[in-house]
Amino acid sequence: MSYSTVWIKKSRAKVAAHLSLLEEQGPNLKRPYADVVRGKIRELRIHYTSNQYRVLYFFHVRD
């Protein structure tokens, strides 16, 4: 397996782990894992090696 293949698998695993945290903690997830961008828009903050990934999200609440 090449280095790039291993790196991609590990970075995907890191993203999946952060998504699981978001699923478990919801709007209670705070820094360093999540932060508010503006208003109700939030970002999931993922650091892997020298790379930083940001996944934007929001919560939609039904009445």
PDB file of N, CA and C in Angstrom:
ATOM      1  N   MET A   1       0.847  -1.169   0.000  1.00  0.00           N
ATOM      2  CA  MET A   1       0.000   0.000   0.000  1.00  0.00           C
ATOM      3  C   MET A   1       0.898   1.240   0.000  1.00  0.00           C
ATOM      4  N   SER A   2       0.577   2.214  -0.836  1.00  0.00           N
ATOM      5  CA  SER A   2       1.416   3.404  -0.946  1.00  0.00           C
ATOM      6  C   SER A   2       1.161   4.367   0.217  1.00  0.00           C
ATOM      7  N   TYR A   3       2.101   5.268   0.395  1.00  0.00           N
ATOM      8  CA  TYR A   3       1.980   6.265   1.463  1.00  0.00           C
ATOM      9  C   TYR A   3       0.715   7.089   1.291  1.00  0.00           C
ATOM     10  N   SER A   4       0.423   7.511   0.053  1.00  0.00           N
ATOM     11  CA  SER A   4      -0.759   8.351  -0.171  1.00  0.00           C
ATOM     12  C   SER A   4      -2.054   7.603   0.143  1.00  0.00           C
ATOM     13  N   THR A   5      -2.092   6.320  -0.147  1.00  0.00           N
ATOM     14  CA  THR A   5      -3.282   5.521   0.166  1.00  0.00           C
ATOM     15  C   THR A   5      -3.474   5.425   1.673  1.00  0.00           C
ATOM     16  N   VAL A   6      -2.399   5.208   2.397  1.00  0.00           N
ATOM     17  CA  VAL A   6      -2.459   5.136   3.860  1.00  0.00           C
ATOM     18  C   VAL A   6      -2.889   6.486   4.429  1.00  0.00           C
ATOM     19  N   TRP A   7      -2.313   7.570   3.899  1.00  0.00           N
ATOM     20  CA  TRP A   7      -2.639   8.911   4.373  1.00  0.00           C
ATOM     21  C   TRP A   7      -4.121   9.210   4.158  1.00  0.00           C
ATOM     22  N   ILE A   8      -4.654   8.867   3.000  1.00  0.00           N
ATOM     23  CA  ILE A   8      -6.072   9.105   2.705  1.00  0.00           C
ATOM     24  C   ILE A   8      -6.953   8.315   3.664  1.00  0.00           C
ATOM     25  N   LYS A   9      -6.621   7.056   3.898  1.00  0.00           N
ATOM     26  CA  LYS A   9      -7.420   6.233   4.817  1.00  0.00           C
ATOM     27  C   LYS A   9      -7.402   6.806   6.230  1.00  0.00           C
ATOM     28  N   LYS A  10      -6.239   7.250   6.686  1.00  0.00           N
ATOM     29  CA  LYS A  10      -6.138   7.799   8.038  1.00  0.00           C
ATOM     30  C   LYS A  10      -6.874   9.131   8.158  1.00  0.00           C
ATOM     31  N   SER A  11      -6.790   9.963   7.130  1.00  0.00           N
ATOM     32  CA  SER A  11      -7.496  11.242   7.197  1.00  0.00           C
ATOM     33  C   SER A  11      -9.006  11.024   7.145  1.00  0.00           C
ATOM     34  N   ARG A  12      -9.470  10.066   6.372  1.00  0.00           N
ATOM     35  CA  ARG A  12     -10.902   9.739   6.343  1.00  0.00           C
ATOM     36  C   ARG A  12     -11.371   9.215   7.699  1.00  0.00           C
ATOM     37  N   ALA A  13     -10.541   8.422   8.341  1.00  0.00           N
ATOM     38  CA  ALA A  13     -10.887   7.901   9.668  1.00  0.00           C
ATOM     39  C   ALA A  13     -10.995   9.044  10.678  1.00  0.00           C
ATOM     40  N   LYS A  14     -10.114  10.016  10.570  1.00  0.00           N
ATOM     41  CA  LYS A  14     -10.149  11.173  11.470  1.00  0.00           C
ATOM     42  C   LYS A  14     -11.431  11.979  11.255  1.00  0.00           C
ATOM     43  N   VAL A  15     -11.803  12.197  10.000  1.00  0.00           N
ATOM     44  CA  VAL A  15     -13.047  12.905   9.686  1.00  0.00           C
ATOM     45  C   VAL A  15     -14.243  12.124  10.235  1.00  0.00           C
ATOM     46  N   ALA A  16     -14.262  10.820  10.040  1.00  0.00           N
ATOM     47  CA  ALA A  16     -15.362   9.981  10.531  1.00  0.00           C
ATOM     48  C   ALA A  16     -15.465  10.052  12.055  1.00  0.00           C
ATOM     49  N   ALA A  17     -14.335  10.075  12.739  1.00  0.00           N
ATOM     50  CA  ALA A  17     -14.339  10.166  14.202  1.00  0.00           C
ATOM     51  C   ALA A  17     -14.942  11.493  14.665  1.00  0.00           C
ATOM     52  N   HIS A  18     -14.601  12.578  13.983  1.00  0.00           N
ATOM     53  CA  HIS A  18     -15.163  13.881  14.337  1.00  0.00           C
ATOM     54  C   HIS A  18     -16.662  13.933  14.038  1.00  0.00           C
ATOM     55  N   LEU A  19     -17.082  13.328  12.946  1.00  0.00           N
ATOM     56  CA  LEU A  19     -18.511  13.276  12.631  1.00  0.00           C
ATOM     57  C   LEU A  19     -19.269  12.481  13.690  1.00  0.00           C
ATOM     58  N   SER A  20     -18.656  11.432  14.200  1.00  0.00           N
ATOM     59  CA  SER A  20     -19.279  10.653  15.276  1.00  0.00           C
ATOM     60  C   SER A  20     -19.426  11.492  16.543  1.00  0.00           C
ATOM     61  N   LEU A  21     -18.397  12.278  16.855  1.00  0.00           N
ATOM     62  CA  LEU A  21     -18.482  13.179  18.010  1.00  0.00           C
ATOM     63  C   LEU A  21     -19.628  14.170  17.836  1.00  0.00           C
ATOM     64  N   LEU A  22     -19.757  14.712  16.638  1.00  0.00           N
ATOM     65  CA  LEU A  22     -20.837  15.657  16.358  1.00  0.00           C
ATOM     66  C   LEU A  22     -22.192  14.978  16.505  1.00  0.00           C
ATOM     67  N   GLU A  23     -22.294  13.759  16.027  1.00  0.00           N
ATOM     68  CA  GLU A  23     -23.547  13.013  16.146  1.00  0.00           C
ATOM     69  C   GLU A  23     -23.908  12.775  17.619  1.00  0.00           C
ATOM     70  N   GLU A  24     -22.910  12.450  18.434  1.00  0.00           N
ATOM     71  CA  GLU A  24     -23.139  12.162  19.852  1.00  0.00           C
ATOM     72  C   GLU A  24     -23.454  13.419  20.668  1.00  0.00           C
ATOM     73  N   GLN A  25     -22.712  14.488  20.425  1.00  0.00           N
ATOM     74  CA  GLN A  25     -22.819  15.672  21.278  1.00  0.00           C
ATOM     75  C   GLN A  25     -23.692  16.776  20.699  1.00  0.00           C
ATOM     76  N   GLY A  26     -23.963  16.711  19.405  1.00  0.00           N
ATOM     77  CA  GLY A  26     -24.826  17.706  18.772  1.00  0.00           C
ATOM     78  C   GLY A  26     -24.331  19.127  18.996  1.00  0.00           C
ATOM     79  N   PRO A  27     -25.250  20.049  19.302  1.00  0.00           N
ATOM     80  CA  PRO A  27     -24.867  21.451  19.463  1.00  0.00           C
ATOM     81  C   PRO A  27     -23.979  21.713  20.685  1.00  0.00           C
ATOM     82  N   ASN A  28     -23.780  20.723  21.525  1.00  0.00           N
ATOM     83  CA  ASN A  28     -22.904  20.886  22.691  1.00  0.00           C
ATOM     84  C   ASN A  28     -21.433  20.692  22.356  1.00  0.00           C
ATOM     85  N   LEU A  29     -21.123  20.262  21.149  1.00  0.00           N
ATOM     86  CA  LEU A  29     -19.726  20.050  20.750  1.00  0.00           C
ATOM     87  C   LEU A  29     -19.035  21.405  20.608  1.00  0.00           C
ATOM     88  N   LYS A  30     -17.947  21.585  21.315  1.00  0.00           N
ATOM     89  CA  LYS A  30     -17.233  22.868  21.349  1.00  0.00           C
ATOM     90  C   LYS A  30     -15.805  22.714  20.836  1.00  0.00           C
ATOM     91  N   ARG A  31     -15.070  23.827  20.883  1.00  0.00           N
ATOM     92  CA  ARG A  31     -13.662  23.830  20.501  1.00  0.00           C
ATOM     93  C   ARG A  31     -12.899  22.822  21.342  1.00  0.00           C
ATOM     94  N   PRO A  32     -11.957  22.168  20.817  1.00  0.00           N
ATOM     95  CA  PRO A  32     -11.297  22.358  19.533  1.00  0.00           C
ATOM     96  C   PRO A  32     -11.966  21.615  18.380  1.00  0.00           C
ATOM     97  N   TYR A  33     -13.067  20.931  18.640  1.00  0.00           N
ATOM     98  CA  TYR A  33     -13.704  20.120  17.605  1.00  0.00           C
ATOM     99  C   TYR A  33     -14.657  20.912  16.723  1.00  0.00           C
ATOM    100  N   ALA A  34     -15.318  21.913  17.283  1.00  0.00           N
ATOM    101  CA  ALA A  34     -16.311  22.679  16.534  1.00  0.00           C
ATOM    102  C   ALA A  34     -16.284  24.133  16.984  1.00  0.00           C
ATOM    103  N   ASP A  35     -16.762  25.013  16.103  1.00  0.00           N
ATOM    104  CA  ASP A  35     -16.830  26.427  16.434  1.00  0.00           C
ATOM    105  C   ASP A  35     -17.929  27.070  15.600  1.00  0.00           C
ATOM    106  N   VAL A  36     -18.343  28.271  16.008  1.00  0.00           N
ATOM    107  CA  VAL A  36     -19.349  29.023  15.264  1.00  0.00           C
ATOM    108  C   VAL A  36     -18.644  29.844  14.195  1.00  0.00           C
ATOM    109  N   VAL A  37     -19.147  29.775  12.965  1.00  0.00           N
ATOM    110  CA  VAL A  37     -18.591  30.584  11.877  1.00  0.00           C
ATOM    111  C   VAL A  37     -19.276  31.949  11.886  1.00  0.00           C
ATOM    112  N   ARG A  38     -20.606  31.924  11.725  1.00  0.00           N
ATOM    113  CA  ARG A  38     -21.400  33.148  11.764  1.00  0.00           C
ATOM    114  C   ARG A  38     -22.856  32.765  11.967  1.00  0.00           C
ATOM    115  N   GLY A  39     -23.494  33.429  12.881  1.00  0.00           N
ATOM    116  CA  GLY A  39     -24.903  33.131  13.129  1.00  0.00           C
ATOM    117  C   GLY A  39     -25.085  31.682  13.557  1.00  0.00           C
ATOM    118  N   LYS A  40     -25.901  30.960  12.808  1.00  0.00           N
ATOM    119  CA  LYS A  40     -26.161  29.555  13.136  1.00  0.00           C
ATOM    120  C   LYS A  40     -25.270  28.589  12.361  1.00  0.00           C
ATOM    121  N   ILE A  41     -24.399  29.127  11.518  1.00  0.00           N
ATOM    122  CA  ILE A  41     -23.489  28.269  10.747  1.00  0.00           C
ATOM    123  C   ILE A  41     -22.286  27.922  11.615  1.00  0.00           C
ATOM    124  N   ARG A  42     -21.993  26.647  11.673  1.00  0.00           N
ATOM    125  CA  ARG A  42     -20.884  26.143  12.485  1.00  0.00           C
ATOM    126  C   ARG A  42     -19.896  25.400  11.607  1.00  0.00           C
ATOM    127  N   GLU A  43     -18.730  25.115  12.175  1.00  0.00           N
ATOM    128  CA  GLU A  43     -17.726  24.347  11.453  1.00  0.00           C
ATOM    129  C   GLU A  43     -17.197  23.233  12.335  1.00  0.00           C
ATOM    130  N   LEU A  44     -17.019  22.087  11.732  1.00  0.00           N
ATOM    131  CA  LEU A  44     -16.348  20.969  12.370  1.00  0.00           C
ATOM    132  C   LEU A  44     -14.881  21.125  12.014  1.00  0.00           C
ATOM    133  N   ARG A  45     -14.012  21.174  13.012  1.00  0.00           N
ATOM    134  CA  ARG A  45     -12.591  21.475  12.810  1.00  0.00           C
ATOM    135  C   ARG A  45     -11.776  20.193  12.968  1.00  0.00           C
ATOM    136  N   ILE A  46     -11.149  19.785  11.893  1.00  0.00           N
ATOM    137  CA  ILE A  46     -10.415  18.525  11.892  1.00  0.00           C
ATOM    138  C   ILE A  46      -8.964  18.799  11.510  1.00  0.00           C
ATOM    139  N   HIS A  47      -8.055  18.384  12.372  1.00  0.00           N
ATOM    140  CA  HIS A  47      -6.621  18.538  12.112  1.00  0.00           C
ATOM    141  C   HIS A  47      -6.016  17.154  11.949  1.00  0.00           C
ATOM    142  N   TYR A  48      -5.306  16.964  10.855  1.00  0.00           N
ATOM    143  CA  TYR A  48      -4.580  15.706  10.641  1.00  0.00           C
ATOM    144  C   TYR A  48      -3.249  16.048  10.005  1.00  0.00           C
ATOM    145  N   THR A  49      -2.189  15.681  10.637  1.00  0.00           N
ATOM    146  CA  THR A  49      -0.813  16.045  10.280  1.00  0.00           C
ATOM    147  C   THR A  49      -0.774  17.562  10.098  1.00  0.00           C
ATOM    148  N   SER A  50      -0.312  18.056   8.971  1.00  0.00           N
ATOM    149  CA  SER A  50      -0.245  19.509   8.764  1.00  0.00           C
ATOM    150  C   SER A  50      -1.486  20.045   8.053  1.00  0.00           C
ATOM    151  N   ASN A  51      -2.483  19.208   7.860  1.00  0.00           N
ATOM    152  CA  ASN A  51      -3.702  19.617   7.152  1.00  0.00           C
ATOM    153  C   ASN A  51      -4.811  19.966   8.127  1.00  0.00           C
ATOM    154  N   GLN A  52      -5.613  20.935   7.725  1.00  0.00           N
ATOM    155  CA  GLN A  52      -6.780  21.324   8.508  1.00  0.00           C
ATOM    156  C   GLN A  52      -7.997  21.246   7.603  1.00  0.00           C
ATOM    157  N   TYR A  53      -8.986  20.508   8.049  1.00  0.00           N
ATOM    158  CA  TYR A  53     -10.227  20.361   7.292  1.00  0.00           C
ATOM    159  C   TYR A  53     -11.326  21.092   8.042  1.00  0.00           C
ATOM    160  N   ARG A  54     -12.228  21.709   7.293  1.00  0.00           N
ATOM    161  CA  ARG A  54     -13.392  22.369   7.875  1.00  0.00           C
ATOM    162  C   ARG A  54     -14.634  21.838   7.174  1.00  0.00           C
ATOM    163  N   VAL A  55     -15.603  21.409   7.970  1.00  0.00           N
ATOM    164  CA  VAL A  55     -16.884  20.942   7.441  1.00  0.00           C
ATOM    165  C   VAL A  55     -17.948  21.869   8.012  1.00  0.00           C
ATOM    166  N   LEU A  56     -18.617  22.613   7.144  1.00  0.00           N
ATOM    167  CA  LEU A  56     -19.657  23.530   7.599  1.00  0.00           C
ATOM    168  C   LEU A  56     -20.955  22.773   7.813  1.00  0.00           C
ATOM    169  N   TYR A  57     -21.693  23.182   8.857  1.00  0.00           N
ATOM    170  CA  TYR A  57     -22.966  22.523   9.149  1.00  0.00           C
ATOM    171  C   TYR A  57     -23.868  23.468   9.928  1.00  0.00           C
ATOM    172  N   PHE A  58     -25.125  23.093  10.043  1.00  0.00           N
ATOM    173  CA  PHE A  58     -26.077  23.815  10.879  1.00  0.00           C
ATOM    174  C   PHE A  58     -27.098  22.815  11.385  1.00  0.00           C
ATOM    175  N   PHE A  59     -27.837  23.205  12.406  1.00  0.00           N
ATOM    176  CA  PHE A  59     -28.884  22.350  12.959  1.00  0.00           C
ATOM    177  C   PHE A  59     -30.235  22.904  12.543  1.00  0.00           C
ATOM    178  N   HIS A  60     -31.069  22.035  12.037  1.00  0.00           N
ATOM    179  CA  HIS A  60     -32.431  22.403  11.655  1.00  0.00           C
ATOM    180  C   HIS A  60     -33.371  21.778  12.671  1.00  0.00           C
ATOM    181  N   VAL A  61     -34.082  22.632  13.396  1.00  0.00           N
ATOM    182  CA  VAL A  61     -34.986  22.150  14.436  1.00  0.00           C
ATOM    183  C   VAL A  61     -36.416  22.285  13.934  1.00  0.00           C
ATOM    184  N   ARG A  62     -37.135  21.183  13.984  1.00  0.00           N
ATOM    185  CA  ARG A  62     -38.542  21.202  13.575  1.00  0.00           C
ATOM    186  C   ARG A  62     -39.409  21.473  14.791  1.00  0.00           C
ATOM    187  N   ASP A  63     -40.475  22.205  14.569  1.00  0.00           N
ATOM    188  CA  ASP A  63     -41.418  22.489  15.669  1.00  0.00           C
ATOM    189  C   ASP A  63     -42.420  21.390  15.826  1.00  0.00           C
TER     190      ASP A  63
END
